[in-house]
Amino acid sequence: MTISLAADLLGVYFFAVSGSLMAARREFDIIGSLFLASLAGLGGGVVRDLVIADIVPNAFANPVYLIPVALAALSVYAASAQFLKQANWLLVADAAGLALFCVTGTSRALQHGMHPVPATLLGVTTAVGGGVLRDIVANETPSLFDRHDI
């Protein structure tokens, strides 16, 4: 396994955790949790791969991308509500996913020959894309658009 793939899978895991946490907050069942985990964990990368014109996005070409999604959804679903209320785990998971996906998204765009400036913008799109999709589907205002949030 390459460092790039490991970082990408770790980013998928953290964003999938954020999707599952959002599902828990909205009292979704395990299917809703898996759906939001998939959307948050894989959405930004799918958008990135479509922009750089990959015929089949990584998330669909390599089934290993589904493992962190399933692990995240099951671990959040199995966690006690008391544990989940102890800290703002959604913020922690989002921050970790943002950091990893900014780097891996930009790196992947550069590998496909993009100029560094648009590659950086595509890295940011990779990082925020899944979270925005997660929030929209969960009927939340995306924190990206909240002027009171960083």
Protein backbone atom coordinates (compact mmCIF):
# COMPACT_ATOMS: atom_id res chain seq x y z
CA MET A 1 0.00 0.00 0.00
CA THR A 2 1.38 3.41 -0.95
CA ILE A 3 1.45 6.41 1.37
CA SER A 4 -0.94 8.21 -0.97
CA LEU A 5 -3.49 5.40 -0.83
CA ALA A 6 -3.15 5.12 2.97
CA ALA A 7 -3.71 8.87 3.38
CA ASP A 8 -6.69 8.75 1.03
CA LEU A 9 -8.27 5.83 2.93
CA LEU A 10 -7.66 7.56 6.25
CA GLY A 11 -9.35 10.69 4.89
CA VAL A 12 -12.28 8.56 3.72
CA TYR A 13 -12.51 7.07 7.21
CA PHE A 14 -12.55 10.43 9.00
CA PHE A 15 -15.15 11.93 6.68
CA ALA A 16 -17.21 8.73 6.87
CA VAL A 17 -17.12 9.09 10.66
CA SER A 18 -18.40 12.65 10.27
CA GLY A 19 -21.21 11.40 8.05
CA SER A 20 -22.15 8.71 10.56
CA LEU A 21 -22.03 11.21 13.41
CA MET A 22 -24.36 13.50 11.48
CA ALA A 23 -26.68 10.53 10.92
CA ALA A 24 -26.61 9.76 14.66
CA ARG A 25 -27.39 13.40 15.45
CA ARG A 26 -30.36 13.26 13.07
CA GLU A 27 -31.41 9.85 14.52
CA PHE A 28 -31.01 7.96 11.23
CA ASP A 29 -30.89 4.17 11.21
CA ILE A 30 -27.83 2.15 10.13
CA ILE A 31 -28.77 2.43 6.44
CA GLY A 32 -28.96 6.22 6.72
CA SER A 33 -25.66 6.15 8.57
CA LEU A 34 -24.01 4.11 5.82
CA PHE A 35 -25.43 6.44 3.18
CA LEU A 36 -24.21 9.64 4.87
CA ALA A 37 -20.86 7.97 5.62
CA SER A 38 -20.48 7.04 1.94
CA LEU A 39 -21.52 10.47 0.76
CA ALA A 40 -19.19 12.32 3.13
CA GLY A 41 -16.26 9.92 2.77
CA LEU A 42 -16.36 9.42 -0.98
CA GLY A 43 -18.19 12.46 -2.38
CA GLY A 44 -15.29 14.92 -2.59
CA GLY A 45 -12.99 12.37 -4.21
CA VAL A 46 -15.62 11.42 -6.78
CA VAL A 47 -16.07 15.08 -7.70
CA ARG A 48 -12.28 15.48 -7.97
CA ASP A 49 -11.91 12.39 -10.18
CA LEU A 50 -14.71 13.56 -12.48
CA VAL A 51 -13.08 16.99 -12.84
CA ILE A 52 -9.69 15.49 -13.74
CA ALA A 53 -11.52 13.26 -16.24
CA ASP A 54 -10.85 9.85 -14.71
CA ILE A 55 -13.19 7.51 -16.53
CA VAL A 56 -14.08 5.67 -13.31
CA PRO A 57 -13.54 7.49 -9.99
CA ASN A 58 -11.22 5.76 -7.51
CA ALA A 59 -14.08 5.11 -5.10
CA PHE A 60 -15.85 2.97 -7.73
CA ALA A 61 -12.78 1.39 -9.33
CA ASN A 62 -11.19 0.16 -6.10
CA PRO A 63 -13.49 -1.59 -3.61
CA VAL A 64 -10.99 -1.02 -0.79
CA TYR A 65 -12.52 2.47 -0.47
CA LEU A 66 -15.69 0.90 0.93
CA ILE A 67 -13.87 -0.64 3.92
CA PRO A 68 -13.27 2.61 5.85
CA VAL A 69 -16.85 3.68 5.14
CA ALA A 70 -18.24 0.47 6.62
CA LEU A 71 -15.86 0.60 9.60
CA ALA A 72 -16.79 4.19 10.35
CA ALA A 73 -20.53 3.61 10.14
CA LEU A 74 -20.40 0.49 12.29
CA SER A 75 -18.12 2.03 14.93
CA VAL A 76 -20.26 5.16 15.31
CA TYR A 77 -23.47 3.13 15.29
CA ALA A 78 -22.08 0.83 18.02
CA ALA A 79 -20.72 3.68 20.18
CA SER A 80 -22.77 4.79 23.13
CA ALA A 81 -24.62 8.08 22.97
CA GLN A 82 -22.86 9.13 26.17
CA PHE A 83 -19.44 8.69 24.55
CA LEU A 84 -20.47 10.64 21.47
CA LYS A 85 -21.69 13.55 23.62
CA GLN A 86 -18.39 13.85 25.54
CA ALA A 87 -16.67 15.92 22.86
CA ASN A 88 -17.40 17.47 19.52
CA TRP A 89 -16.33 14.42 17.53
CA LEU A 90 -17.94 15.75 14.33
CA LEU A 91 -15.59 18.75 14.36
CA VAL A 92 -12.56 16.53 15.03
CA ALA A 93 -13.46 14.12 12.22
CA ASP A 94 -14.08 17.01 9.80
CA ALA A 95 -10.75 18.64 10.65
CA ALA A 96 -8.80 15.42 10.13
CA GLY A 97 -10.59 14.69 6.86
CA LEU A 98 -10.08 18.24 5.59
CA ALA A 99 -6.35 18.10 6.26
CA LEU A 100 -5.88 14.74 4.57
CA PHE A 101 -8.09 15.45 1.57
CA CYS A 102 -6.56 18.87 0.87
CA VAL A 103 -3.19 17.16 0.50
CA THR A 104 -4.31 14.04 -1.36
CA GLY A 105 -6.71 15.94 -3.63
CA THR A 106 -4.05 18.47 -4.62
CA SER A 107 -1.46 15.72 -5.08
CA ARG A 108 -3.75 13.71 -7.34
CA ALA A 109 -4.55 16.77 -9.46
CA LEU A 110 -0.83 17.53 -9.82
CA GLN A 111 -0.18 13.91 -10.86
CA HIS A 112 -2.70 14.43 -13.67
CA GLY A 113 -0.74 17.41 -14.98
CA MET A 114 -2.80 20.28 -13.60
CA HIS A 115 -1.20 23.67 -12.96
CA PRO A 116 -0.50 24.14 -9.20
CA VAL A 117 -3.12 26.88 -8.67
CA PRO A 118 -6.13 24.96 -10.07
CA ALA A 119 -4.72 21.78 -8.48
CA THR A 120 -4.83 23.51 -5.09
CA LEU A 121 -8.42 24.62 -5.70
CA LEU A 122 -9.32 21.07 -6.67
CA GLY A 123 -7.68 19.86 -3.45
CA VAL A 124 -9.93 22.20 -1.49
CA THR A 125 -12.93 20.98 -3.49
CA THR A 126 -11.96 17.41 -2.64
CA ALA A 127 -11.75 18.35 1.04
CA VAL A 128 -15.06 20.21 1.35
CA GLY A 129 -17.13 18.39 -1.28
CA GLY A 130 -18.20 15.37 0.77
CA GLY A 131 -19.03 17.44 3.84
CA VAL A 132 -21.18 19.84 1.83
CA LEU A 133 -23.03 16.92 0.23
CA ARG A 134 -23.48 15.31 3.67
CA ASP A 135 -24.94 18.51 5.13
CA ILE A 136 -27.30 19.09 2.22
CA VAL A 137 -28.68 15.55 2.31
CA ALA A 138 -29.06 15.75 6.13
CA ASN A 139 -30.97 19.03 5.66
CA GLU A 140 -28.34 21.10 7.50
CA THR A 141 -26.82 24.37 6.37
CA PRO A 142 -23.29 23.44 5.30
CA SER A 143 -20.84 24.83 7.84
CA LEU A 144 -18.78 26.05 4.87
CA PHE A 145 -21.46 28.71 4.34
CA ASP A 146 -21.89 29.65 8.00
CA ARG A 147 -20.29 33.05 8.60
CA HIS A 148 -19.98 32.28 12.32
CA ASP A 149 -17.91 29.15 11.67
CA ILE A 150 -14.27 29.10 10.61
